[in-house]
Amino acid sequence: MSTTPRPETSLSSNGRPRAGRPRTAASTLTSRDQQVICAISESRGISPVVGLAFVNLSTTEAVLCQISDNQTFTRTLHKIVVYEPTEILFMTTAAQPKSKLFLIVESNLPHLRATVIDRKYWSETTGLEYIQQLAFKQDVEAIKVSVGGNFYATCCIAAVLKYIELAFSFSFPFHSLRIKYETSEGSMMIDLSTISSMELIQNLQNPKSKDCLVGLLNQTLTPMGSRLLKSLLLQPSTNAETLKKRYDALDELATREDIFFAVRQALKAFVDVDRVLTAVGGLNCSPITIIPTKPTIQYWEQSVNNVIALKQYVKSIPAVFEALATVK
């Protein structure tokens, strides 16, 4: 394998990582705010089709998408920036020798950890089986219809879930993963140079400074709100009905200060709902959604803390409901 300026590992055909320190559930989930693994594959040709699958281990969500891109892979890079993966997976044939997509991702997103895994894990059949087994029961058929014909996206979800099983020792119980297929329509695309030059998410002079658009606008009181704001700035909606509803809500909050301040006060007690619901079983009331193969004392202590956090979340809901009781 050729060397690259960023950390790179590979997964051999027998399923064992060839390099890198073994990771545990605790070390992985606490190393960053979000642990997102992305798998990417491409067709070859003048107008390449790119499949992507993102799995967020912190919130047990999976997003699939398939993009008809150009030779500079502008749309693909934009999608990667929106979901901020901490690790990106390529198949061996894309890295030996390096494909154009591999080189473009490497040069534009040098901070990403690249991992190469065997081509046999990129299987459409396996991807459909994962969707059938892991997606919420009420969503299975809709997701299967959405991914129909999207070969590369389906292969990507197979690769990323198999990698998580083998390299992270994580498993998901049946029907416990929130999976959705996301089309490229209905949202605006902002290329990387624009995101950087307009300082949408990072100050050019001082990367740690909050003097950027996200930093200035982020007056959110919850982690969920902060994540949503960033996503909406990088991927603005172009759907007229969605925008109208947002404007109506904004107008009501702007003209009725009592509701505005009551909602903000109620939200102050909220915990990170996505993390809590993930830790205690997700929205479908399954058992623990991410199961380490070798639970430790720290794991059980954290489980107790998660139950306490869930209780805090439930107690916080009535205050928000009351604050919004008189809205239109």
C-alpha atoms as a PDB file:
ATOM      1  CA  MET A   1       0.000   0.000   0.000  1.00  0.00           C
ATOM      2  CA  SER A   2       1.292   3.446  -0.873  1.00  0.00           C
ATOM      3  CA  THR A   3       1.916   5.830   1.949  1.00  0.00           C
ATOM      4  CA  THR A   4      -0.278   8.870   2.515  1.00  0.00           C
ATOM      5  CA  PRO A   5       0.181  11.961   4.674  1.00  0.00           C
ATOM      6  CA  ARG A   6      -2.678  10.958   6.955  1.00  0.00           C
ATOM      7  CA  PRO A   7      -3.248   7.906   9.164  1.00  0.00           C
ATOM      8  CA  GLU A   8      -4.323   4.888   7.143  1.00  0.00           C
ATOM      9  CA  THR A   9      -5.142   1.317   8.079  1.00  0.00           C
ATOM     10  CA  SER A  10      -6.518  -1.631   6.202  1.00  0.00           C
ATOM     11  CA  LEU A  11      -8.713  -4.628   6.926  1.00  0.00           C
ATOM     12  CA  SER A  12      -7.454  -7.920   5.576  1.00  0.00           C
ATOM     13  CA  SER A  13      -9.610 -10.512   3.870  1.00  0.00           C
ATOM     14  CA  ASN A  14      -9.856 -12.507   7.095  1.00  0.00           C
ATOM     15  CA  GLY A  15     -11.500  -9.530   8.783  1.00  0.00           C
ATOM     16  CA  ARG A  16      -8.636  -8.465  11.045  1.00  0.00           C
ATOM     17  CA  PRO A  17      -7.171  -4.950  10.983  1.00  0.00           C
ATOM     18  CA  ARG A  18      -3.606  -4.864   9.703  1.00  0.00           C
ATOM     19  CA  ALA A  19      -2.629  -1.742  11.589  1.00  0.00           C
ATOM     20  CA  GLY A  20      -3.753   0.548  14.348  1.00  0.00           C
ATOM     21  CA  ARG A  21      -4.468   0.268  18.044  1.00  0.00           C
ATOM     22  CA  PRO A  22      -7.466  -1.921  18.989  1.00  0.00           C
ATOM     23  CA  ARG A  23     -10.453   0.217  19.890  1.00  0.00           C
ATOM     24  CA  THR A  24     -13.053  -0.385  22.562  1.00  0.00           C
ATOM     25  CA  ALA A  25     -16.572   0.910  22.946  1.00  0.00           C
ATOM     26  CA  ALA A  26     -15.522   3.325  25.673  1.00  0.00           C
ATOM     27  CA  SER A  27     -12.449   4.747  23.955  1.00  0.00           C
ATOM     28  CA  THR A  28     -14.208   5.140  20.628  1.00  0.00           C
ATOM     29  CA  LEU A  29     -17.353   6.868  21.795  1.00  0.00           C
ATOM     30  CA  THR A  30     -15.630   9.315  24.090  1.00  0.00           C
ATOM     31  CA  SER A  31     -12.710  10.311  21.854  1.00  0.00           C
ATOM     32  CA  ARG A  32     -14.809  12.820  19.901  1.00  0.00           C
ATOM     33  CA  ASP A  33     -18.182  14.466  20.135  1.00  0.00           C
ATOM     34  CA  GLN A  34     -19.413  12.250  17.290  1.00  0.00           C
ATOM     35  CA  GLN A  35     -18.026   8.969  15.966  1.00  0.00           C
ATOM     36  CA  VAL A  36     -19.124   8.671  12.347  1.00  0.00           C
ATOM     37  CA  ILE A  37     -17.837   5.998   9.963  1.00  0.00           C
ATOM     38  CA  CYS A  38     -18.315   6.519   6.226  1.00  0.00           C
ATOM     39  CA  ALA A  39     -17.986   4.013   3.389  1.00  0.00           C
ATOM     40  CA  ILE A  40     -17.626   5.249  -0.175  1.00  0.00           C
ATOM     41  CA  SER A  41     -17.611   3.542  -3.566  1.00  0.00           C
ATOM     42  CA  GLU A  42     -17.774   4.748  -7.142  1.00  0.00           C
ATOM     43  CA  SER A  43     -18.551   3.668 -10.659  1.00  0.00           C
ATOM     44  CA  ARG A  44     -16.035   4.308 -13.370  1.00  0.00           C
ATOM     45  CA  GLY A  45     -16.791   6.560 -16.323  1.00  0.00           C
ATOM     46  CA  ILE A  46     -17.117  10.128 -17.514  1.00  0.00           C
ATOM     47  CA  SER A  47     -20.082  10.814 -15.190  1.00  0.00           C
ATOM     48  CA  PRO A  48     -19.283   8.782 -12.089  1.00  0.00           C
ATOM     49  CA  VAL A  49     -21.948   7.567  -9.690  1.00  0.00           C
ATOM     50  CA  VAL A  50     -20.843   7.606  -6.051  1.00  0.00           C
ATOM     51  CA  GLY A  51     -22.402   5.640  -3.210  1.00  0.00           C
ATOM     52  CA  LEU A  52     -22.039   6.769   0.413  1.00  0.00           C
ATOM     53  CA  ALA A  53     -23.128   5.319   3.736  1.00  0.00           C
ATOM     54  CA  PHE A  54     -22.626   7.085   7.068  1.00  0.00           C
ATOM     55  CA  VAL A  55     -23.111   5.323  10.414  1.00  0.00           C
ATOM     56  CA  ASN A  56     -23.094   7.478  13.532  1.00  0.00           C
ATOM     57  CA  LEU A  57     -22.077   5.279  16.461  1.00  0.00           C
ATOM     58  CA  SER A  58     -22.974   8.015  18.945  1.00  0.00           C
ATOM     59  CA  THR A  59     -26.622   8.202  17.892  1.00  0.00           C
ATOM     60  CA  THR A  60     -27.020   4.849  16.035  1.00  0.00           C
ATOM     61  CA  GLU A  61     -28.205   6.475  12.851  1.00  0.00           C
ATOM     62  CA  ALA A  62     -27.308   5.472   9.307  1.00  0.00           C
ATOM     63  CA  VAL A  63     -27.678   7.580   6.177  1.00  0.00           C
ATOM     64  CA  LEU A  64     -27.361   6.218   2.648  1.00  0.00           C
ATOM     65  CA  CYS A  65     -27.086   8.287  -0.505  1.00  0.00           C
ATOM     66  CA  GLN A  66     -26.103   7.855  -4.125  1.00  0.00           C
ATOM     67  CA  ILE A  67     -24.871  10.806  -6.142  1.00  0.00           C
ATOM     68  CA  SER A  68     -24.425  11.375  -9.866  1.00  0.00           C
ATOM     69  CA  ASP A  69     -21.298  13.497  -9.681  1.00  0.00           C
ATOM     70  CA  ASN A  70     -18.770  15.128 -11.991  1.00  0.00           C
ATOM     71  CA  GLN A  71     -15.063  14.514 -12.476  1.00  0.00           C
ATOM     72  CA  THR A  72     -14.122  16.755  -9.528  1.00  0.00           C
ATOM     73  CA  PHE A  73     -16.571  14.962  -7.177  1.00  0.00           C
ATOM     74  CA  THR A  74     -17.883  18.281  -5.840  1.00  0.00           C
ATOM     75  CA  ARG A  75     -21.190  16.862  -4.605  1.00  0.00           C
ATOM     76  CA  THR A  76     -19.482  13.920  -2.922  1.00  0.00           C
ATOM     77  CA  LEU A  77     -17.061  16.168  -1.038  1.00  0.00           C
ATOM     78  CA  HIS A  78     -19.941  18.372   0.061  1.00  0.00           C
ATOM     79  CA  LYS A  79     -21.872  15.415   1.456  1.00  0.00           C
ATOM     80  CA  ILE A  80     -18.798  14.221   3.378  1.00  0.00           C
ATOM     81  CA  VAL A  81     -18.281  17.688   4.867  1.00  0.00           C
ATOM     82  CA  VAL A  82     -21.933  17.837   5.982  1.00  0.00           C
ATOM     83  CA  TYR A  83     -21.761  14.554   7.930  1.00  0.00           C
ATOM     84  CA  GLU A  84     -18.191  15.022   9.249  1.00  0.00           C
ATOM     85  CA  PRO A  85     -17.040  11.385   9.381  1.00  0.00           C
ATOM     86  CA  THR A  86     -14.118  10.550  11.636  1.00  0.00           C
ATOM     87  CA  GLU A  87     -13.073   7.672   9.395  1.00  0.00           C
ATOM     88  CA  ILE A  88     -13.682   6.872   5.742  1.00  0.00           C
ATOM     89  CA  LEU A  89     -13.581   3.426   4.143  1.00  0.00           C
ATOM     90  CA  PHE A  90     -12.395   2.615   0.630  1.00  0.00           C
ATOM     91  CA  MET A  91     -12.257  -0.762  -1.062  1.00  0.00           C
ATOM     92  CA  THR A  92      -8.822  -2.137  -1.909  1.00  0.00           C
ATOM     93  CA  THR A  93      -9.289  -1.635  -5.650  1.00  0.00           C
ATOM     94  CA  ALA A  94      -9.727   2.113  -5.084  1.00  0.00           C
ATOM     95  CA  ALA A  95      -6.462   2.385  -3.142  1.00  0.00           C
ATOM     96  CA  GLN A  96      -4.147   0.104  -5.106  1.00  0.00           C
ATOM     97  CA  PRO A  97      -3.577   2.057  -7.284  1.00  0.00           C
ATOM     98  CA  LYS A  98      -5.323   5.124  -5.906  1.00  0.00           C
ATOM     99  CA  SER A  99      -8.437   6.095  -7.827  1.00  0.00           C
ATOM    100  CA  LYS A 100      -9.221   9.683  -8.745  1.00  0.00           C
ATOM    101  CA  LEU A 101     -11.878   9.836  -6.008  1.00  0.00           C
ATOM    102  CA  PHE A 102      -9.396   8.540  -3.412  1.00  0.00           C
ATOM    103  CA  LEU A 103      -6.858  11.206  -4.407  1.00  0.00           C
ATOM    104  CA  ILE A 104      -9.448  14.018  -4.393  1.00  0.00           C
ATOM    105  CA  VAL A 105     -10.790  13.069  -0.945  1.00  0.00           C
ATOM    106  CA  GLU A 106      -7.227  12.717   0.330  1.00  0.00           C
ATOM    107  CA  SER A 107      -6.138  16.146  -0.927  1.00  0.00           C
ATOM    108  CA  ASN A 108      -9.282  18.066   0.082  1.00  0.00           C
ATOM    109  CA  LEU A 109      -9.920  16.353   3.428  1.00  0.00           C
ATOM    110  CA  PRO A 110      -6.449  15.417   4.706  1.00  0.00           C
ATOM    111  CA  HIS A 111      -7.595  15.231   8.333  1.00  0.00           C
ATOM    112  CA  LEU A 112      -9.780  12.184   7.672  1.00  0.00           C
ATOM    113  CA  ARG A 113      -8.516   8.763   8.667  1.00  0.00           C
ATOM    114  CA  ALA A 114      -8.585   6.488   5.608  1.00  0.00           C
ATOM    115  CA  THR A 115      -9.072   2.740   5.941  1.00  0.00           C
ATOM    116  CA  VAL A 116      -8.927   0.229   3.115  1.00  0.00           C
ATOM    117  CA  ILE A 117     -10.990  -2.952   3.410  1.00  0.00           C
ATOM    118  CA  ASP A 118     -11.363  -5.997   1.201  1.00  0.00           C
ATOM    119  CA  ARG A 119     -13.675  -5.729  -1.795  1.00  0.00           C
ATOM    120  CA  LYS A 120     -15.688  -8.775  -0.699  1.00  0.00           C
ATOM    121  CA  TYR A 121     -17.377  -6.725   2.051  1.00  0.00           C
ATOM    122  CA  TRP A 122     -19.012  -4.419  -0.525  1.00  0.00           C
ATOM    123  CA  SER A 123     -21.995  -6.624  -1.314  1.00  0.00           C
ATOM    124  CA  GLU A 124     -25.446  -5.472  -2.423  1.00  0.00           C
ATOM    125  CA  THR A 125     -27.036  -8.673  -1.127  1.00  0.00           C
ATOM    126  CA  THR A 126     -25.438  -8.237   2.290  1.00  0.00           C
ATOM    127  CA  GLY A 127     -26.491  -4.589   2.365  1.00  0.00           C
ATOM    128  CA  LEU A 128     -30.136  -5.501   1.758  1.00  0.00           C
ATOM    129  CA  GLU A 129     -29.919  -8.167   4.460  1.00  0.00           C
ATOM    130  CA  TYR A 130     -28.559  -5.601   6.947  1.00  0.00           C
ATOM    131  CA  ILE A 131     -31.424  -3.240   6.109  1.00  0.00           C
ATOM    132  CA  GLN A 132     -33.955  -6.043   6.572  1.00  0.00           C
ATOM    133  CA  GLN A 133     -32.468  -7.041   9.933  1.00  0.00           C
ATOM    134  CA  LEU A 134     -31.429  -3.723  11.510  1.00  0.00           C
ATOM    135  CA  ALA A 135     -33.793  -0.995  10.279  1.00  0.00           C
ATOM    136  CA  PHE A 136     -36.871  -0.170  12.357  1.00  0.00           C
ATOM    137  CA  LYS A 137     -39.635  -2.596  11.415  1.00  0.00           C
ATOM    138  CA  GLN A 138     -41.965   0.159  10.269  1.00  0.00           C
ATOM    139  CA  ASP A 139     -39.265   1.589   7.992  1.00  0.00           C
ATOM    140  CA  VAL A 140     -37.892  -1.564   6.339  1.00  0.00           C
ATOM    141  CA  GLU A 141     -40.115  -1.670   3.257  1.00  0.00           C
ATOM    142  CA  ALA A 142     -39.855   2.073   2.596  1.00  0.00           C
ATOM    143  CA  ILE A 143     -36.059   1.961   2.812  1.00  0.00           C
ATOM    144  CA  LYS A 144     -35.865  -1.054   0.508  1.00  0.00           C
ATOM    145  CA  VAL A 145     -37.945   0.818  -2.059  1.00  0.00           C
ATOM    146  CA  SER A 146     -35.729   3.898  -1.713  1.00  0.00           C
ATOM    147  CA  VAL A 147     -32.474   1.988  -2.232  1.00  0.00           C
ATOM    148  CA  GLY A 148     -33.860  -0.046  -5.103  1.00  0.00           C
ATOM    149  CA  GLY A 149     -31.502   0.406  -8.043  1.00  0.00           C
ATOM    150  CA  ASN A 150     -28.959   2.281  -5.906  1.00  0.00           C
ATOM    151  CA  PHE A 151     -26.322  -0.428  -6.068  1.00  0.00           C
ATOM    152  CA  TYR A 152     -23.358   1.588  -4.774  1.00  0.00           C
ATOM    153  CA  ALA A 153     -25.163   3.009  -1.716  1.00  0.00           C
ATOM    154  CA  THR A 154     -26.382  -0.471  -0.756  1.00  0.00           C
ATOM    155  CA  CYS A 155     -22.875  -1.884  -1.079  1.00  0.00           C
ATOM    156  CA  CYS A 156     -21.568   0.901   1.146  1.00  0.00           C
ATOM    157  CA  ILE A 157     -23.948   0.153   4.017  1.00  0.00           C
ATOM    158  CA  ALA A 158     -22.826  -3.485   3.875  1.00  0.00           C
ATOM    159  CA  ALA A 159     -19.156  -2.478   4.053  1.00  0.00           C
ATOM    160  CA  VAL A 160     -19.475   0.030   6.883  1.00  0.00           C
ATOM    161  CA  LEU A 161     -21.605  -2.235   9.089  1.00  0.00           C
ATOM    162  CA  LYS A 162     -19.289  -5.212   8.568  1.00  0.00           C
ATOM    163  CA  TYR A 163     -16.285  -3.007   9.388  1.00  0.00           C
ATOM    164  CA  ILE A 164     -17.934  -1.824  12.614  1.00  0.00           C
ATOM    165  CA  GLU A 165     -18.547  -5.448  13.625  1.00  0.00           C
ATOM    166  CA  LEU A 166     -14.994  -6.584  12.898  1.00  0.00           C
ATOM    167  CA  ALA A 167     -12.843  -3.590  13.837  1.00  0.00           C
ATOM    168  CA  PHE A 168     -14.867  -2.025  16.685  1.00  0.00           C
ATOM    169  CA  SER A 169     -16.477  -5.165  18.112  1.00  0.00           C
ATOM    170  CA  PHE A 170     -19.893  -3.498  18.000  1.00  0.00           C
ATOM    171  CA  SER A 171     -23.130  -5.227  17.149  1.00  0.00           C
ATOM    172  CA  PHE A 172     -26.631  -3.873  16.678  1.00  0.00           C
ATOM    173  CA  PRO A 173     -29.713  -5.784  17.860  1.00  0.00           C
ATOM    174  CA  PHE A 174     -32.441  -6.477  15.312  1.00  0.00           C
ATOM    175  CA  HIS A 175     -34.452  -3.433  14.228  1.00  0.00           C
ATOM    176  CA  SER A 176     -32.470  -0.970  16.348  1.00  0.00           C
ATOM    177  CA  LEU A 177     -30.724   1.212  13.730  1.00  0.00           C
ATOM    178  CA  ARG A 178     -32.346   4.366  12.374  1.00  0.00           C
ATOM    179  CA  ILE A 179     -31.649   4.056   8.651  1.00  0.00           C
ATOM    180  CA  LYS A 180     -32.710   6.560   6.013  1.00  0.00           C
ATOM    181  CA  TYR A 181     -31.986   7.110   2.352  1.00  0.00           C
ATOM    182  CA  GLU A 182     -31.256  10.731   1.508  1.00  0.00           C
ATOM    183  CA  THR A 183     -31.608  12.070  -2.005  1.00  0.00           C
ATOM    184  CA  SER A 184     -29.470  14.928  -3.284  1.00  0.00           C
ATOM    185  CA  GLU A 185     -32.581  16.852  -4.356  1.00  0.00           C
ATOM    186  CA  GLY A 186     -34.295  19.357  -2.093  1.00  0.00           C
ATOM    187  CA  SER A 187     -31.150  20.945  -0.716  1.00  0.00           C
ATOM    188  CA  MET A 188     -28.572  23.456  -1.872  1.00  0.00           C
ATOM    189  CA  MET A 189     -25.001  22.388  -2.507  1.00  0.00           C
ATOM    190  CA  ILE A 190     -22.138  24.551  -1.214  1.00  0.00           C
ATOM    191  CA  ASP A 191     -18.681  23.595  -2.433  1.00  0.00           C
ATOM    192  CA  LEU A 192     -15.666  23.274  -0.144  1.00  0.00           C
ATOM    193  CA  SER A 193     -13.935  26.457  -1.323  1.00  0.00           C
ATOM    194  CA  THR A 194     -17.081  28.481  -0.588  1.00  0.00           C
ATOM    195  CA  ILE A 195     -17.493  26.915   2.859  1.00  0.00           C
ATOM    196  CA  SER A 196     -13.885  27.798   3.624  1.00  0.00           C
ATOM    197  CA  SER A 197     -13.691  31.295   2.094  1.00  0.00           C
ATOM    198  CA  MET A 198     -16.999  32.405   3.639  1.00  0.00           C
ATOM    199  CA  GLU A 199     -15.880  30.987   7.007  1.00  0.00           C
ATOM    200  CA  LEU A 200     -19.149  29.153   7.479  1.00  0.00           C
ATOM    201  CA  ILE A 201     -17.875  26.685  10.071  1.00  0.00           C
ATOM    202  CA  GLN A 202     -14.279  27.706  10.779  1.00  0.00           C
ATOM    203  CA  ASN A 203     -12.296  30.924  11.071  1.00  0.00           C
ATOM    204  CA  LEU A 204      -9.488  31.051   8.505  1.00  0.00           C
ATOM    205  CA  GLN A 205      -7.023  32.815  10.801  1.00  0.00           C
ATOM    206  CA  ASN A 206      -7.731  30.889  13.983  1.00  0.00           C
ATOM    207  CA  PRO A 207      -9.441  27.482  13.610  1.00  0.00           C
ATOM    208  CA  LYS A 208     -10.325  27.435  17.318  1.00  0.00           C
ATOM    209  CA  SER A 209     -12.031  30.827  17.186  1.00  0.00           C
ATOM    210  CA  LYS A 210     -15.807  31.135  17.241  1.00  0.00           C
ATOM    211  CA  ASP A 211     -15.611  34.022  14.774  1.00  0.00           C
ATOM    212  CA  CYS A 212     -17.353  32.202  11.924  1.00  0.00           C
ATOM    213  CA  LEU A 213     -20.963  31.966  10.801  1.00  0.00           C
ATOM    214  CA  VAL A 214     -21.766  28.911  12.926  1.00  0.00           C
ATOM    215  CA  GLY A 215     -20.040  30.461  15.934  1.00  0.00           C
ATOM    216  CA  LEU A 216     -21.955  33.719  15.609  1.00  0.00           C
ATOM    217  CA  LEU A 217     -25.350  32.121  14.996  1.00  0.00           C
ATOM    218  CA  ASN A 218     -25.046  29.296  17.472  1.00  0.00           C
ATOM    219  CA  GLN A 219     -27.159  30.430  20.399  1.00  0.00           C
ATOM    220  CA  THR A 220     -28.634  26.954  20.785  1.00  0.00           C
ATOM    221  CA  LEU A 221     -29.127  25.476  24.230  1.00  0.00           C
ATOM    222  CA  THR A 222     -28.950  21.782  23.351  1.00  0.00           C
ATOM    223  CA  PRO A 223     -26.407  19.593  21.539  1.00  0.00           C
ATOM    224  CA  MET A 224     -29.171  18.505  19.151  1.00  0.00           C
ATOM    225  CA  GLY A 225     -29.875  22.096  18.192  1.00  0.00           C
ATOM    226  CA  SER A 226     -26.207  22.805  17.596  1.00  0.00           C
ATOM    227  CA  ARG A 227     -25.856  19.797  15.296  1.00  0.00           C
ATOM    228  CA  LEU A 228     -29.019  20.707  13.388  1.00  0.00           C
ATOM    229  CA  LEU A 229     -27.912  24.312  12.903  1.00  0.00           C
ATOM    230  CA  LYS A 230     -24.604  23.251  11.411  1.00  0.00           C
ATOM    231  CA  SER A 231     -26.276  20.769   9.102  1.00  0.00           C
ATOM    232  CA  LEU A 232     -28.805  23.344   7.880  1.00  0.00           C
ATOM    233  CA  LEU A 233     -26.092  25.912   7.172  1.00  0.00           C
ATOM    234  CA  LEU A 234     -24.026  23.468   5.138  1.00  0.00           C
ATOM    235  CA  GLN A 235     -27.005  21.894   3.382  1.00  0.00           C
ATOM    236  CA  PRO A 236     -29.781  24.530   3.159  1.00  0.00           C
ATOM    237  CA  SER A 237     -33.201  23.299   2.128  1.00  0.00           C
ATOM    238  CA  THR A 238     -34.702  24.391  -1.186  1.00  0.00           C
ATOM    239  CA  ASN A 239     -38.124  22.935  -0.403  1.00  0.00           C
ATOM    240  CA  ALA A 240     -40.673  25.772  -0.426  1.00  0.00           C
ATOM    241  CA  GLU A 241     -43.069  24.107   2.027  1.00  0.00           C
ATOM    242  CA  THR A 242     -40.287  23.386   4.527  1.00  0.00           C
ATOM    243  CA  LEU A 243     -39.023  26.956   4.319  1.00  0.00           C
ATOM    244  CA  LYS A 244     -42.508  28.406   4.762  1.00  0.00           C
ATOM    245  CA  LYS A 245     -43.059  26.409   7.966  1.00  0.00           C
ATOM    246  CA  ARG A 246     -39.728  27.640   9.311  1.00  0.00           C
ATOM    247  CA  TYR A 247     -40.589  31.254   8.524  1.00  0.00           C
ATOM    248  CA  ASP A 248     -43.972  30.885  10.214  1.00  0.00           C
ATOM    249  CA  ALA A 249     -42.331  29.477  13.346  1.00  0.00           C
ATOM    250  CA  LEU A 250     -39.695  32.216  13.306  1.00  0.00           C
ATOM    251  CA  ASP A 251     -42.366  34.916  12.913  1.00  0.00           C
ATOM    252  CA  GLU A 252     -44.305  33.617  15.902  1.00  0.00           C
ATOM    253  CA  LEU A 253     -41.230  33.402  18.122  1.00  0.00           C
ATOM    254  CA  ALA A 254     -40.096  36.857  17.047  1.00  0.00           C
ATOM    255  CA  THR A 255     -43.460  38.505  17.752  1.00  0.00           C
ATOM    256  CA  ARG A 256     -44.258  36.640  20.970  1.00  0.00           C
ATOM    257  CA  GLU A 257     -41.335  37.120  23.302  1.00  0.00           C
ATOM    258  CA  ASP A 258     -43.058  35.352  26.175  1.00  0.00           C
ATOM    259  CA  ILE A 259     -43.102  32.091  24.214  1.00  0.00           C
ATOM    260  CA  PHE A 260     -39.536  32.612  22.983  1.00  0.00           C
ATOM    261  CA  PHE A 261     -38.083  33.021  26.479  1.00  0.00           C
ATOM    262  CA  ALA A 262     -40.285  30.280  27.959  1.00  0.00           C
ATOM    263  CA  VAL A 263     -39.050  27.777  25.365  1.00  0.00           C
ATOM    264  CA  ARG A 264     -35.408  28.732  25.908  1.00  0.00           C
ATOM    265  CA  GLN A 265     -35.820  28.378  29.655  1.00  0.00           C
ATOM    266  CA  ALA A 266     -37.417  24.939  29.244  1.00  0.00           C
ATOM    267  CA  LEU A 267     -34.674  23.735  26.903  1.00  0.00           C
ATOM    268  CA  LYS A 268     -31.936  24.528  29.418  1.00  0.00           C
ATOM    269  CA  ALA A 269     -32.739  21.353  31.352  1.00  0.00           C
ATOM    270  CA  PHE A 270     -32.448  19.105  28.294  1.00  0.00           C
ATOM    271  CA  VAL A 271     -29.702  16.506  28.000  1.00  0.00           C
ATOM    272  CA  ASP A 272     -28.340  15.197  24.685  1.00  0.00           C
ATOM    273  CA  VAL A 273     -31.479  13.305  23.698  1.00  0.00           C
ATOM    274  CA  ASP A 274     -29.901  11.482  20.737  1.00  0.00           C
ATOM    275  CA  ARG A 275     -27.160  10.021  22.915  1.00  0.00           C
ATOM    276  CA  VAL A 276     -29.500   9.115  25.757  1.00  0.00           C
ATOM    277  CA  LEU A 277     -32.023   7.320  23.555  1.00  0.00           C
ATOM    278  CA  THR A 278     -29.197   5.498  21.832  1.00  0.00           C
ATOM    279  CA  ALA A 279     -27.636   4.376  25.099  1.00  0.00           C
ATOM    280  CA  VAL A 280     -30.828   3.099  26.690  1.00  0.00           C
ATOM    281  CA  GLY A 281     -32.324   1.427  23.670  1.00  0.00           C
ATOM    282  CA  GLY A 282     -33.318   3.861  20.956  1.00  0.00           C
ATOM    283  CA  LEU A 283     -36.730   5.022  19.877  1.00  0.00           C
ATOM    284  CA  ASN A 284     -38.016   1.512  19.259  1.00  0.00           C
ATOM    285  CA  CYS A 285     -37.467   0.396  22.872  1.00  0.00           C
ATOM    286  CA  SER A 286     -34.944  -2.313  21.998  1.00  0.00           C
ATOM    287  CA  PRO A 287     -32.262  -3.378  24.478  1.00  0.00           C
ATOM    288  CA  ILE A 288     -28.984  -1.470  24.576  1.00  0.00           C
ATOM    289  CA  THR A 289     -28.419  -0.467  20.958  1.00  0.00           C
ATOM    290  CA  ILE A 290     -24.623  -0.707  20.807  1.00  0.00           C
ATOM    291  CA  ILE A 291     -23.348  -3.803  22.570  1.00  0.00           C
ATOM    292  CA  PRO A 292     -19.621  -4.144  23.370  1.00  0.00           C
ATOM    293  CA  THR A 293     -18.405  -7.732  23.155  1.00  0.00           C
ATOM    294  CA  LYS A 294     -16.636  -7.450  26.541  1.00  0.00           C
ATOM    295  CA  PRO A 295     -18.565  -5.150  28.915  1.00  0.00           C
ATOM    296  CA  THR A 296     -16.478  -3.576  31.694  1.00  0.00           C
ATOM    297  CA  ILE A 297     -17.253  -2.013  35.085  1.00  0.00           C
ATOM    298  CA  GLN A 298     -17.036   1.401  33.421  1.00  0.00           C
ATOM    299  CA  TYR A 299     -19.626   0.276  30.887  1.00  0.00           C
ATOM    300  CA  TRP A 300     -22.120  -0.687  33.605  1.00  0.00           C
ATOM    301  CA  GLU A 301     -21.475   2.536  35.521  1.00  0.00           C
ATOM    302  CA  GLN A 302     -22.180   4.493  32.355  1.00  0.00           C
ATOM    303  CA  SER A 303     -25.356   2.483  31.865  1.00  0.00           C
ATOM    304  CA  VAL A 304     -26.600   3.665  35.266  1.00  0.00           C
ATOM    305  CA  ASN A 305     -25.741   7.255  34.322  1.00  0.00           C
ATOM    306  CA  ASN A 306     -27.677   6.817  31.078  1.00  0.00           C
ATOM    307  CA  VAL A 307     -30.806   5.796  32.980  1.00  0.00           C
ATOM    308  CA  ILE A 308     -30.465   8.875  35.191  1.00  0.00           C
ATOM    309  CA  ALA A 309     -30.066  11.043  32.085  1.00  0.00           C
ATOM    310  CA  LEU A 310     -33.176   9.460  30.564  1.00  0.00           C
ATOM    311  CA  LYS A 311     -35.150  10.323  33.689  1.00  0.00           C
ATOM    312  CA  GLN A 312     -33.924  13.925  33.421  1.00  0.00           C
ATOM    313  CA  TYR A 313     -34.995  14.027  29.757  1.00  0.00           C
ATOM    314  CA  VAL A 314     -38.495  12.752  30.521  1.00  0.00           C
ATOM    315  CA  LYS A 315     -38.898  15.294  33.339  1.00  0.00           C
ATOM    316  CA  SER A 316     -37.875  18.105  30.959  1.00  0.00           C
ATOM    317  CA  ILE A 317     -40.534  17.424  28.327  1.00  0.00           C
ATOM    318  CA  PRO A 318     -43.627  18.891  30.101  1.00  0.00           C
ATOM    319  CA  ALA A 319     -41.981  22.302  30.438  1.00  0.00           C
ATOM    320  CA  VAL A 320     -41.442  22.551  26.687  1.00  0.00           C
ATOM    321  CA  PHE A 321     -44.984  21.345  26.029  1.00  0.00           C
ATOM    322  CA  GLU A 322     -46.388  24.027  28.320  1.00  0.00           C
ATOM    323  CA  ALA A 323     -44.237  26.736  26.747  1.00  0.00           C
ATOM    324  CA  LEU A 324     -45.605  25.852  23.292  1.00  0.00           C
ATOM    325  CA  ALA A 325     -49.203  25.313  24.404  1.00  0.00           C
ATOM    326  CA  THR A 326     -50.528  28.552  22.867  1.00  0.00           C
ATOM    327  CA  VAL A 327     -48.676  28.525  19.529  1.00  0.00           C
ATOM    328  CA  LYS A 328     -50.610  28.288  16.270  1.00  0.00           C
END
